[in-house]
Amino acid sequence: MKLHPLVKEVLITAEEIEQKCLELGQAVSNYYLNEYPVQENTILCLGLLKGCIPFMAKFISYLVGVECETEYMVVSSYFGGVKSNGVPQILLDLPIPVTNRDILLVEDIIDSGKTIKIIKDYLTLKGARSVKVVTLLDKKAGREVDLIADWYGFDAPHVFLVGFGLDYNERLRNLPYVAVADTEKLKKWHWGAKK
């Protein structure tokens, strides 16, 4: 497989991601099936756009015996670049009421944890019965708040990652793997047609 020129190394392959999504789907399904009677086990899978899309699509296909609805929010603290500006903002709110709902926040990566913590608190204030978190990647070294994912796929190193939903200025999300970005090349990279 030919790597994108902005990729320094592949950290997690497409095959490893597939297997981990299967495992996470089974673990989450088992939790909700054991926690609630069958009639009440509909969960609301809430994806945080845009990075969640590849992971959420694969992950929910492995939820077995659990009914799920899907909704999305847009929350950002990056606005381009490689570092968070530290102030998460809700750009698109949840369009439905969440009172007495069991919500599963689906995220591609947790870094500082600020965004997820704010959204968890927000959903609780809006009356959610429970708010759990599943993430493909957990960058614990970057954590700045007291937050632990209920389920996560892989520990992520404290480097800038791209692929499988993770972006640089909205690009590279479609890579089928998670990779370490070549930040030196990013500094002088010019997008557009080759000359």
N, C-alpha and C. Protein backbone atom coordinates (compact mmCIF):
# COMPACT_ATOMS: atom_id res chain seq x y z
N MET A 1 0.85 -1.18 0.00
CA MET A 1 0.00 0.00 0.00
C MET A 1 0.89 1.24 0.00
N LYS A 2 0.60 2.16 -0.91
CA LYS A 2 1.37 3.39 -1.00
C LYS A 2 0.87 4.38 0.05
N LEU A 3 1.80 4.92 0.83
CA LEU A 3 1.43 5.86 1.88
C LEU A 3 1.33 7.27 1.33
N HIS A 4 0.48 8.06 1.96
CA HIS A 4 0.38 9.47 1.62
C HIS A 4 1.72 10.13 1.97
N PRO A 5 2.18 11.08 1.17
CA PRO A 5 3.48 11.70 1.44
C PRO A 5 3.57 12.47 2.77
N LEU A 6 2.44 12.79 3.38
CA LEU A 6 2.47 13.48 4.67
C LEU A 6 2.45 12.52 5.86
N VAL A 7 2.49 11.22 5.56
CA VAL A 7 2.49 10.20 6.60
C VAL A 7 3.92 9.80 6.92
N LYS A 8 4.27 9.91 8.19
CA LYS A 8 5.59 9.47 8.63
C LYS A 8 5.61 7.96 8.84
N GLU A 9 4.58 7.44 9.50
CA GLU A 9 4.46 5.99 9.70
C GLU A 9 3.02 5.64 10.04
N VAL A 10 2.61 4.44 9.64
CA VAL A 10 1.28 3.94 9.98
C VAL A 10 1.34 3.40 11.40
N LEU A 11 0.44 3.91 12.24
CA LEU A 11 0.40 3.50 13.64
C LEU A 11 -0.56 2.33 13.83
N ILE A 12 -1.74 2.40 13.17
CA ILE A 12 -2.75 1.35 13.31
C ILE A 12 -3.30 1.06 11.92
N THR A 13 -3.24 -0.19 11.51
CA THR A 13 -3.68 -0.58 10.17
C THR A 13 -5.20 -0.67 10.09
N ALA A 14 -5.70 -0.70 8.87
CA ALA A 14 -7.14 -0.85 8.63
C ALA A 14 -7.65 -2.15 9.24
N GLU A 15 -6.86 -3.22 9.15
CA GLU A 15 -7.27 -4.51 9.69
C GLU A 15 -7.35 -4.47 11.22
N GLU A 16 -6.39 -3.79 11.84
CA GLU A 16 -6.42 -3.66 13.31
C GLU A 16 -7.62 -2.83 13.76
N ILE A 17 -7.94 -1.80 13.00
CA ILE A 17 -9.11 -0.97 13.32
C ILE A 17 -10.39 -1.80 13.24
N GLU A 18 -10.52 -2.59 12.17
CA GLU A 18 -11.70 -3.44 11.98
C GLU A 18 -11.88 -4.38 13.16
N GLN A 19 -10.81 -5.04 13.56
CA GLN A 19 -10.87 -5.99 14.68
C GLN A 19 -11.25 -5.29 15.97
N LYS A 20 -10.68 -4.11 16.19
CA LYS A 20 -10.97 -3.37 17.42
C LYS A 20 -12.42 -2.89 17.45
N CYS A 21 -12.96 -2.49 16.32
CA CYS A 21 -14.37 -2.07 16.25
C CYS A 21 -15.29 -3.23 16.61
N LEU A 22 -14.94 -4.42 16.14
CA LEU A 22 -15.69 -5.62 16.50
C LEU A 22 -15.67 -5.84 18.01
N GLU A 23 -14.49 -5.76 18.60
CA GLU A 23 -14.34 -5.98 20.04
C GLU A 23 -15.11 -4.93 20.85
N LEU A 24 -15.00 -3.68 20.44
CA LEU A 24 -15.70 -2.61 21.15
C LEU A 24 -17.22 -2.77 21.01
N GLY A 25 -17.67 -3.14 19.82
CA GLY A 25 -19.09 -3.36 19.61
C GLY A 25 -19.63 -4.45 20.52
N GLN A 26 -18.88 -5.53 20.67
CA GLN A 26 -19.30 -6.62 21.54
C GLN A 26 -19.33 -6.18 23.00
N ALA A 27 -18.30 -5.47 23.43
CA ALA A 27 -18.22 -5.03 24.83
C ALA A 27 -19.36 -4.06 25.17
N VAL A 28 -19.62 -3.11 24.29
CA VAL A 28 -20.68 -2.13 24.53
C VAL A 28 -22.05 -2.82 24.50
N SER A 29 -22.25 -3.70 23.54
CA SER A 29 -23.51 -4.45 23.46
C SER A 29 -23.76 -5.22 24.75
N ASN A 30 -22.74 -5.92 25.22
CA ASN A 30 -22.89 -6.71 26.45
C ASN A 30 -23.25 -5.83 27.63
N TYR A 31 -22.64 -4.66 27.71
CA TYR A 31 -22.93 -3.74 28.82
C TYR A 31 -24.39 -3.34 28.81
N TYR A 32 -24.87 -2.85 27.67
CA TYR A 32 -26.25 -2.36 27.63
C TYR A 32 -27.27 -3.50 27.73
N LEU A 33 -26.96 -4.67 27.21
CA LEU A 33 -27.88 -5.80 27.33
C LEU A 33 -28.00 -6.26 28.77
N ASN A 34 -26.90 -6.17 29.52
CA ASN A 34 -26.93 -6.57 30.93
C ASN A 34 -27.51 -5.48 31.83
N GLU A 35 -27.40 -4.24 31.40
CA GLU A 35 -27.80 -3.10 32.22
C GLU A 35 -29.31 -2.84 32.16
N TYR A 36 -29.93 -3.08 31.01
CA TYR A 36 -31.33 -2.70 30.83
C TYR A 36 -32.13 -3.86 30.23
N PRO A 37 -33.44 -3.92 30.56
CA PRO A 37 -34.31 -4.91 29.91
C PRO A 37 -34.35 -4.65 28.40
N VAL A 38 -34.67 -5.68 27.65
CA VAL A 38 -34.65 -5.60 26.19
C VAL A 38 -35.48 -4.44 25.66
N GLN A 39 -36.65 -4.19 26.25
CA GLN A 39 -37.52 -3.13 25.74
C GLN A 39 -36.92 -1.74 25.94
N GLU A 40 -35.96 -1.63 26.88
CA GLU A 40 -35.42 -0.31 27.21
C GLU A 40 -33.97 -0.14 26.78
N ASN A 41 -33.47 -1.02 25.93
CA ASN A 41 -32.04 -0.94 25.64
C ASN A 41 -31.70 -0.13 24.39
N THR A 42 -32.58 0.78 24.01
CA THR A 42 -32.26 1.66 22.88
C THR A 42 -31.34 2.76 23.38
N ILE A 43 -30.18 2.84 22.78
CA ILE A 43 -29.24 3.89 23.16
C ILE A 43 -29.16 4.91 22.04
N LEU A 44 -28.76 6.11 22.41
CA LEU A 44 -28.56 7.17 21.44
C LEU A 44 -27.06 7.30 21.22
N CYS A 45 -26.59 6.86 20.07
CA CYS A 45 -25.18 7.01 19.72
C CYS A 45 -25.01 8.42 19.18
N LEU A 46 -24.26 9.21 19.90
CA LEU A 46 -24.08 10.62 19.57
C LEU A 46 -22.65 10.83 19.08
N GLY A 47 -22.52 11.07 17.79
CA GLY A 47 -21.20 11.29 17.21
C GLY A 47 -20.83 12.76 17.22
N LEU A 48 -19.57 13.02 17.50
CA LEU A 48 -19.07 14.38 17.45
C LEU A 48 -18.36 14.56 16.11
N LEU A 49 -19.01 15.35 15.25
CA LEU A 49 -18.50 15.55 13.89
C LEU A 49 -17.28 16.44 13.90
N LYS A 50 -16.40 16.20 12.93
CA LYS A 50 -16.56 15.32 11.80
C LYS A 50 -15.75 14.05 11.95
N GLY A 51 -14.83 14.07 12.87
CA GLY A 51 -13.87 12.97 12.99
C GLY A 51 -14.47 11.62 13.32
N CYS A 52 -15.65 11.59 13.92
CA CYS A 52 -16.23 10.33 14.38
C CYS A 52 -16.74 9.46 13.24
N ILE A 53 -16.94 10.02 12.06
CA ILE A 53 -17.71 9.33 11.01
C ILE A 53 -17.17 7.93 10.66
N PRO A 54 -15.89 7.76 10.30
CA PRO A 54 -15.45 6.40 9.95
C PRO A 54 -15.58 5.41 11.12
N PHE A 55 -15.17 5.85 12.31
CA PHE A 55 -15.23 4.96 13.47
C PHE A 55 -16.68 4.62 13.82
N MET A 56 -17.54 5.62 13.86
CA MET A 56 -18.93 5.38 14.24
C MET A 56 -19.61 4.43 13.26
N ALA A 57 -19.36 4.61 11.97
CA ALA A 57 -19.98 3.74 10.96
C ALA A 57 -19.59 2.29 11.18
N LYS A 58 -18.31 2.03 11.43
CA LYS A 58 -17.87 0.65 11.66
C LYS A 58 -18.36 0.13 13.00
N PHE A 59 -18.20 0.95 14.03
CA PHE A 59 -18.53 0.53 15.39
C PHE A 59 -20.00 0.12 15.54
N ILE A 60 -20.93 0.95 15.06
CA ILE A 60 -22.35 0.63 15.28
C ILE A 60 -22.78 -0.61 14.50
N SER A 61 -22.03 -0.95 13.44
CA SER A 61 -22.38 -2.17 12.71
C SER A 61 -22.12 -3.42 13.54
N TYR A 62 -21.34 -3.27 14.62
CA TYR A 62 -21.04 -4.40 15.50
C TYR A 62 -21.84 -4.38 16.80
N LEU A 63 -22.79 -3.47 16.93
CA LEU A 63 -23.69 -3.50 18.08
C LEU A 63 -24.72 -4.60 17.83
N VAL A 64 -24.76 -5.58 18.69
CA VAL A 64 -25.64 -6.74 18.48
C VAL A 64 -26.64 -6.84 19.62
N GLY A 65 -27.93 -6.91 19.26
CA GLY A 65 -28.97 -7.07 20.27
C GLY A 65 -29.35 -5.77 20.95
N VAL A 66 -28.73 -4.68 20.54
CA VAL A 66 -28.99 -3.37 21.12
C VAL A 66 -29.55 -2.48 20.02
N GLU A 67 -30.67 -1.83 20.32
CA GLU A 67 -31.20 -0.86 19.36
C GLU A 67 -30.45 0.45 19.55
N CYS A 68 -30.17 1.11 18.44
CA CYS A 68 -29.53 2.41 18.60
C CYS A 68 -30.08 3.41 17.61
N GLU A 69 -30.16 4.64 18.08
CA GLU A 69 -30.45 5.77 17.22
C GLU A 69 -29.14 6.53 17.06
N THR A 70 -29.03 7.29 15.99
CA THR A 70 -27.81 8.07 15.80
C THR A 70 -28.16 9.55 15.65
N GLU A 71 -27.36 10.37 16.27
CA GLU A 71 -27.44 11.82 16.13
C GLU A 71 -26.02 12.37 16.16
N TYR A 72 -25.91 13.65 15.85
CA TYR A 72 -24.58 14.25 15.76
C TYR A 72 -24.58 15.66 16.34
N MET A 73 -23.41 16.04 16.83
CA MET A 73 -23.16 17.41 17.24
C MET A 73 -21.86 17.84 16.58
N VAL A 74 -21.71 19.13 16.39
CA VAL A 74 -20.43 19.67 15.93
C VAL A 74 -19.86 20.50 17.08
N VAL A 75 -18.73 20.04 17.58
CA VAL A 75 -18.04 20.73 18.67
C VAL A 75 -16.59 20.83 18.25
N SER A 76 -16.01 22.01 18.38
CA SER A 76 -14.63 22.15 17.92
C SER A 76 -13.80 23.00 18.87
N SER A 77 -12.54 22.62 18.98
CA SER A 77 -11.58 23.45 19.69
C SER A 77 -10.29 23.57 18.88
N TYR A 78 -10.35 23.13 17.61
CA TYR A 78 -9.15 23.16 16.78
C TYR A 78 -9.18 24.27 15.73
N PHE A 79 -10.22 24.30 14.91
CA PHE A 79 -10.32 25.30 13.84
C PHE A 79 -9.07 25.31 12.96
N GLY A 80 -8.65 24.12 12.55
CA GLY A 80 -7.44 23.99 11.71
C GLY A 80 -6.21 23.90 12.58
N GLY A 81 -5.10 23.49 11.98
CA GLY A 81 -3.85 23.42 12.72
C GLY A 81 -3.69 22.09 13.43
N VAL A 82 -2.65 22.03 14.26
CA VAL A 82 -2.31 20.78 14.93
C VAL A 82 -2.52 20.83 16.43
N LYS A 83 -2.89 21.99 16.99
CA LYS A 83 -3.09 22.11 18.43
C LYS A 83 -4.45 22.72 18.72
N SER A 84 -5.05 22.25 19.82
CA SER A 84 -6.32 22.80 20.26
C SER A 84 -6.13 24.21 20.79
N ASN A 85 -7.15 25.05 20.58
CA ASN A 85 -7.07 26.39 21.18
C ASN A 85 -7.60 26.36 22.60
N GLY A 86 -8.04 25.17 23.07
CA GLY A 86 -8.41 24.98 24.45
C GLY A 86 -9.81 25.43 24.84
N VAL A 87 -10.59 25.97 23.90
CA VAL A 87 -11.93 26.46 24.22
C VAL A 87 -12.95 25.76 23.33
N PRO A 88 -13.47 24.60 23.75
CA PRO A 88 -14.47 23.90 22.92
C PRO A 88 -15.73 24.74 22.75
N GLN A 89 -16.26 24.75 21.54
CA GLN A 89 -17.48 25.48 21.24
C GLN A 89 -18.46 24.55 20.54
N ILE A 90 -19.74 24.61 20.95
CA ILE A 90 -20.79 23.85 20.28
C ILE A 90 -21.20 24.65 19.05
N LEU A 91 -20.91 24.11 17.87
CA LEU A 91 -21.25 24.78 16.62
C LEU A 91 -22.59 24.29 16.07
N LEU A 92 -22.96 23.05 16.40
CA LEU A 92 -24.25 22.49 15.99
C LEU A 92 -24.74 21.62 17.14
N ASP A 93 -25.87 22.03 17.73
CA ASP A 93 -26.39 21.34 18.91
C ASP A 93 -27.20 20.12 18.51
N LEU A 94 -27.46 19.28 19.48
CA LEU A 94 -28.28 18.09 19.31
C LEU A 94 -29.71 18.52 18.98
N PRO A 95 -30.31 17.96 17.93
CA PRO A 95 -31.63 18.43 17.49
C PRO A 95 -32.82 17.79 18.20
N ILE A 96 -32.57 16.88 19.14
CA ILE A 96 -33.68 16.19 19.81
C ILE A 96 -33.51 16.28 21.33
N PRO A 97 -34.60 16.12 22.08
CA PRO A 97 -34.47 16.11 23.55
C PRO A 97 -33.76 14.84 24.02
N VAL A 98 -33.06 14.95 25.14
CA VAL A 98 -32.31 13.80 25.65
C VAL A 98 -32.77 13.37 27.04
N THR A 99 -33.85 13.94 27.52
CA THR A 99 -34.35 13.60 28.86
C THR A 99 -34.59 12.10 28.97
N ASN A 100 -34.01 11.52 30.02
CA ASN A 100 -34.14 10.09 30.33
C ASN A 100 -33.58 9.17 29.24
N ARG A 101 -32.70 9.69 28.40
CA ARG A 101 -32.07 8.87 27.36
C ARG A 101 -30.72 8.35 27.84
N ASP A 102 -30.34 7.19 27.34
CA ASP A 102 -29.00 6.64 27.57
C ASP A 102 -28.16 6.99 26.36
N ILE A 103 -27.16 7.81 26.58
CA ILE A 103 -26.37 8.35 25.47
C ILE A 103 -24.98 7.74 25.46
N LEU A 104 -24.54 7.35 24.28
CA LEU A 104 -23.18 6.87 24.09
C LEU A 104 -22.47 7.87 23.18
N LEU A 105 -21.56 8.63 23.75
CA LEU A 105 -20.76 9.56 22.96
C LEU A 105 -19.72 8.77 22.18
N VAL A 106 -19.69 8.98 20.87
CA VAL A 106 -18.76 8.24 20.00
C VAL A 106 -17.76 9.24 19.44
N GLU A 107 -16.49 9.00 19.74
CA GLU A 107 -15.43 9.94 19.38
C GLU A 107 -14.29 9.21 18.69
N ASP A 108 -13.59 9.91 17.81
CA ASP A 108 -12.43 9.30 17.16
C ASP A 108 -11.22 9.28 18.08
N ILE A 109 -11.02 10.39 18.83
CA ILE A 109 -9.86 10.47 19.72
C ILE A 109 -10.20 11.38 20.89
N ILE A 110 -9.71 11.01 22.06
CA ILE A 110 -9.77 11.89 23.23
C ILE A 110 -8.35 12.31 23.53
N ASP A 111 -8.15 13.62 23.56
CA ASP A 111 -6.83 14.18 23.83
C ASP A 111 -6.88 14.88 25.19
N SER A 112 -7.10 16.17 25.20
CA SER A 112 -7.17 16.90 26.48
C SER A 112 -8.35 16.44 27.32
N GLY A 113 -9.43 16.00 26.65
CA GLY A 113 -10.63 15.58 27.35
C GLY A 113 -11.61 16.71 27.62
N LYS A 114 -11.20 17.95 27.34
CA LYS A 114 -12.06 19.10 27.64
C LYS A 114 -13.38 19.05 26.88
N THR A 115 -13.32 18.75 25.60
CA THR A 115 -14.54 18.73 24.79
C THR A 115 -15.52 17.68 25.31
N ILE A 116 -15.03 16.46 25.52
CA ILE A 116 -15.92 15.38 25.98
C ILE A 116 -16.49 15.70 27.35
N LYS A 117 -15.68 16.24 28.25
CA LYS A 117 -16.18 16.57 29.59
C LYS A 117 -17.28 17.62 29.51
N ILE A 118 -17.07 18.65 28.70
CA ILE A 118 -18.09 19.69 28.54
C ILE A 118 -19.39 19.11 27.99
N ILE A 119 -19.28 18.24 26.98
CA ILE A 119 -20.48 17.66 26.38
C ILE A 119 -21.17 16.69 27.34
N LYS A 120 -20.39 15.90 28.09
CA LYS A 120 -20.99 15.01 29.08
C LYS A 120 -21.79 15.82 30.11
N ASP A 121 -21.18 16.87 30.63
CA ASP A 121 -21.85 17.72 31.62
C ASP A 121 -23.10 18.37 31.02
N TYR A 122 -22.99 18.82 29.78
CA TYR A 122 -24.09 19.48 29.08
C TYR A 122 -25.28 18.53 28.92
N LEU A 123 -25.00 17.29 28.51
CA LEU A 123 -26.06 16.31 28.31
C LEU A 123 -26.71 15.90 29.63
N THR A 124 -25.90 15.82 30.67
CA THR A 124 -26.44 15.51 31.99
C THR A 124 -27.38 16.63 32.46
N LEU A 125 -26.96 17.87 32.26
CA LEU A 125 -27.81 19.02 32.61
C LEU A 125 -29.11 19.03 31.82
N LYS A 126 -29.07 18.50 30.59
CA LYS A 126 -30.27 18.45 29.76
C LYS A 126 -31.16 17.25 30.10
N GLY A 127 -30.76 16.45 31.10
CA GLY A 127 -31.63 15.39 31.60
C GLY A 127 -31.33 13.99 31.14
N ALA A 128 -30.17 13.76 30.51
CA ALA A 128 -29.83 12.39 30.09
C ALA A 128 -29.78 11.46 31.29
N ARG A 129 -30.27 10.23 31.12
CA ARG A 129 -30.23 9.25 32.21
C ARG A 129 -28.80 8.77 32.44
N SER A 130 -28.08 8.55 31.35
CA SER A 130 -26.68 8.15 31.46
C SER A 130 -25.92 8.67 30.24
N VAL A 131 -24.64 8.93 30.43
CA VAL A 131 -23.77 9.35 29.33
C VAL A 131 -22.47 8.56 29.44
N LYS A 132 -22.25 7.68 28.47
CA LYS A 132 -21.03 6.88 28.41
C LYS A 132 -20.22 7.34 27.20
N VAL A 133 -18.93 6.96 27.19
CA VAL A 133 -18.03 7.39 26.13
C VAL A 133 -17.28 6.21 25.55
N VAL A 134 -17.30 6.11 24.21
CA VAL A 134 -16.46 5.16 23.51
C VAL A 134 -15.62 5.94 22.51
N THR A 135 -14.34 5.63 22.46
CA THR A 135 -13.44 6.31 21.53
C THR A 135 -12.49 5.30 20.91
N LEU A 136 -12.14 5.54 19.68
CA LEU A 136 -11.17 4.65 19.03
C LEU A 136 -9.79 4.83 19.65
N LEU A 137 -9.41 6.09 19.86
CA LEU A 137 -8.06 6.40 20.34
C LEU A 137 -8.13 7.19 21.64
N ASP A 138 -7.26 6.85 22.57
CA ASP A 138 -7.19 7.56 23.84
C ASP A 138 -5.76 8.06 24.03
N LYS A 139 -5.61 9.38 23.95
CA LYS A 139 -4.29 10.00 24.11
C LYS A 139 -4.17 10.49 25.55
N LYS A 140 -3.93 9.56 26.46
CA LYS A 140 -3.96 9.87 27.89
C LYS A 140 -2.90 10.90 28.29
N ALA A 141 -1.78 10.93 27.58
CA ALA A 141 -0.71 11.87 27.92
C ALA A 141 -1.14 13.32 27.72
N GLY A 142 -2.17 13.53 26.92
CA GLY A 142 -2.64 14.89 26.65
C GLY A 142 -3.76 15.35 27.57
N ARG A 143 -4.20 14.47 28.50
CA ARG A 143 -5.38 14.76 29.32
C ARG A 143 -5.15 15.95 30.24
N GLU A 144 -6.12 16.87 30.23
CA GLU A 144 -6.05 18.06 31.08
C GLU A 144 -7.21 18.14 32.06
N VAL A 145 -8.17 17.21 31.96
CA VAL A 145 -9.31 17.19 32.88
C VAL A 145 -9.48 15.76 33.39
N ASP A 146 -10.29 15.63 34.42
CA ASP A 146 -10.56 14.32 35.00
C ASP A 146 -11.60 13.61 34.15
N LEU A 147 -11.16 12.79 33.24
CA LEU A 147 -12.07 12.08 32.33
C LEU A 147 -11.47 10.74 31.94
N ILE A 148 -12.27 9.71 32.06
CA ILE A 148 -11.84 8.37 31.65
C ILE A 148 -12.89 7.83 30.68
N ALA A 149 -12.45 7.38 29.51
CA ALA A 149 -13.37 6.78 28.54
C ALA A 149 -13.90 5.47 29.11
N ASP A 150 -15.18 5.21 28.88
CA ASP A 150 -15.75 3.94 29.34
C ASP A 150 -15.21 2.78 28.52
N TRP A 151 -15.00 3.02 27.22
CA TRP A 151 -14.40 2.03 26.33
C TRP A 151 -13.49 2.77 25.36
N TYR A 152 -12.33 2.19 25.08
CA TYR A 152 -11.46 2.76 24.06
C TYR A 152 -10.73 1.64 23.33
N GLY A 153 -10.33 1.97 22.11
CA GLY A 153 -9.69 0.97 21.28
C GLY A 153 -8.19 0.86 21.47
N PHE A 154 -7.50 1.98 21.29
CA PHE A 154 -6.04 1.98 21.32
C PHE A 154 -5.53 3.16 22.13
N ASP A 155 -4.43 2.94 22.84
CA ASP A 155 -3.70 4.06 23.43
C ASP A 155 -2.99 4.79 22.30
N ALA A 156 -3.06 6.11 22.32
CA ALA A 156 -2.42 6.90 21.27
C ALA A 156 -1.23 7.66 21.85
N PRO A 157 -0.13 7.67 21.13
CA PRO A 157 1.04 8.44 21.60
C PRO A 157 0.76 9.94 21.49
N HIS A 158 1.56 10.71 22.19
CA HIS A 158 1.38 12.18 22.20
C HIS A 158 2.07 12.80 20.99
N VAL A 159 1.54 12.45 19.80
CA VAL A 159 2.03 13.00 18.53
C VAL A 159 0.81 13.37 17.70
N PHE A 160 1.04 14.10 16.60
CA PHE A 160 -0.08 14.51 15.76
C PHE A 160 -0.45 13.39 14.80
N LEU A 161 -1.71 12.95 14.88
CA LEU A 161 -2.17 11.80 14.10
C LEU A 161 -3.16 12.23 13.03
N VAL A 162 -3.17 11.49 11.94
CA VAL A 162 -4.11 11.72 10.84
C VAL A 162 -4.66 10.37 10.38
N GLY A 163 -5.77 10.44 9.65
CA GLY A 163 -6.35 9.24 9.06
C GLY A 163 -7.51 8.70 9.86
N PHE A 164 -8.37 7.95 9.20
CA PHE A 164 -9.55 7.33 9.78
C PHE A 164 -10.34 8.33 10.62
N GLY A 165 -10.60 9.49 10.02
CA GLY A 165 -11.38 10.53 10.68
C GLY A 165 -10.55 11.67 11.22
N LEU A 166 -9.30 11.41 11.55
CA LEU A 166 -8.42 12.46 12.09
C LEU A 166 -7.88 13.29 10.93
N ASP A 167 -7.91 14.62 11.12
CA ASP A 167 -7.59 15.48 9.98
C ASP A 167 -6.47 16.47 10.27
N TYR A 168 -6.00 17.04 9.19
CA TYR A 168 -5.19 18.25 9.24
C TYR A 168 -5.88 19.25 8.31
N ASN A 169 -6.40 20.34 8.89
CA ASN A 169 -7.15 21.34 8.10
C ASN A 169 -8.22 20.68 7.22
N GLU A 170 -8.96 19.75 7.81
CA GLU A 170 -10.07 19.04 7.17
C GLU A 170 -9.64 18.01 6.12
N ARG A 171 -8.37 17.81 5.94
CA ARG A 171 -7.89 16.83 4.95
C ARG A 171 -7.30 15.61 5.66
N LEU A 172 -7.15 14.55 4.91
CA LEU A 172 -6.54 13.28 5.33
C LEU A 172 -7.46 12.41 6.20
N ARG A 173 -8.71 12.83 6.39
CA ARG A 173 -9.65 12.02 7.17
C ARG A 173 -9.92 10.67 6.51
N ASN A 174 -9.80 10.62 5.19
CA ASN A 174 -10.21 9.42 4.45
C ASN A 174 -9.12 8.35 4.37
N LEU A 175 -7.96 8.57 4.96
CA LEU A 175 -6.95 7.51 4.97
C LEU A 175 -7.53 6.32 5.73
N PRO A 176 -7.32 5.09 5.26
CA PRO A 176 -7.96 3.93 5.88
C PRO A 176 -7.25 3.44 7.14
N TYR A 177 -6.22 4.13 7.55
CA TYR A 177 -5.41 3.76 8.72
C TYR A 177 -5.19 5.01 9.57
N VAL A 178 -4.66 4.81 10.78
CA VAL A 178 -4.26 5.93 11.63
C VAL A 178 -2.74 6.03 11.52
N ALA A 179 -2.26 7.25 11.25
CA ALA A 179 -0.83 7.43 11.01
C ALA A 179 -0.28 8.62 11.77
N VAL A 180 1.01 8.57 11.99
CA VAL A 180 1.73 9.71 12.54
C VAL A 180 2.01 10.67 11.39
N ALA A 181 1.59 11.92 11.54
CA ALA A 181 1.80 12.90 10.48
C ALA A 181 3.24 13.41 10.51
N ASP A 182 3.74 13.71 9.34
CA ASP A 182 5.06 14.32 9.21
C ASP A 182 4.88 15.83 9.36
N THR A 183 5.01 16.33 10.58
CA THR A 183 4.71 17.74 10.87
C THR A 183 5.69 18.69 10.19
N GLU A 184 6.89 18.23 9.92
CA GLU A 184 7.85 19.09 9.20
C GLU A 184 7.37 19.33 7.77
N LYS A 185 6.90 18.28 7.13
CA LYS A 185 6.37 18.42 5.77
C LYS A 185 5.09 19.26 5.76
N LEU A 186 4.27 19.10 6.80
CA LEU A 186 3.02 19.86 6.87
C LEU A 186 3.27 21.37 6.84
N LYS A 187 4.36 21.79 7.48
CA LYS A 187 4.66 23.23 7.56
C LYS A 187 4.83 23.87 6.20
N LYS A 188 5.36 23.11 5.24
CA LYS A 188 5.64 23.70 3.92
C LYS A 188 4.83 23.05 2.79
N TRP A 189 3.84 22.24 3.15
CA TRP A 189 3.05 21.53 2.15
C TRP A 189 2.08 22.49 1.48
N HIS A 190 1.98 22.40 0.16
CA HIS A 190 1.03 23.21 -0.58
C HIS A 190 -0.01 22.28 -1.22
N TRP A 191 -1.28 22.45 -0.83
CA TRP A 191 -2.35 21.64 -1.37
C TRP A 191 -2.68 22.14 -2.78
N GLY A 192 -3.16 21.24 -3.58
CA GLY A 192 -3.59 21.65 -4.91
C GLY A 192 -2.99 20.75 -5.97
N ALA A 193 -3.24 21.14 -7.21
CA ALA A 193 -2.77 20.34 -8.35
C ALA A 193 -1.26 20.39 -8.45
N LYS A 194 -0.70 19.26 -8.88
CA LYS A 194 0.75 19.21 -9.10
C LYS A 194 1.09 20.00 -10.36
N LYS A 195 2.23 20.63 -10.33
CA LYS A 195 2.66 21.42 -11.51
C LYS A 195 3.68 20.65 -12.30
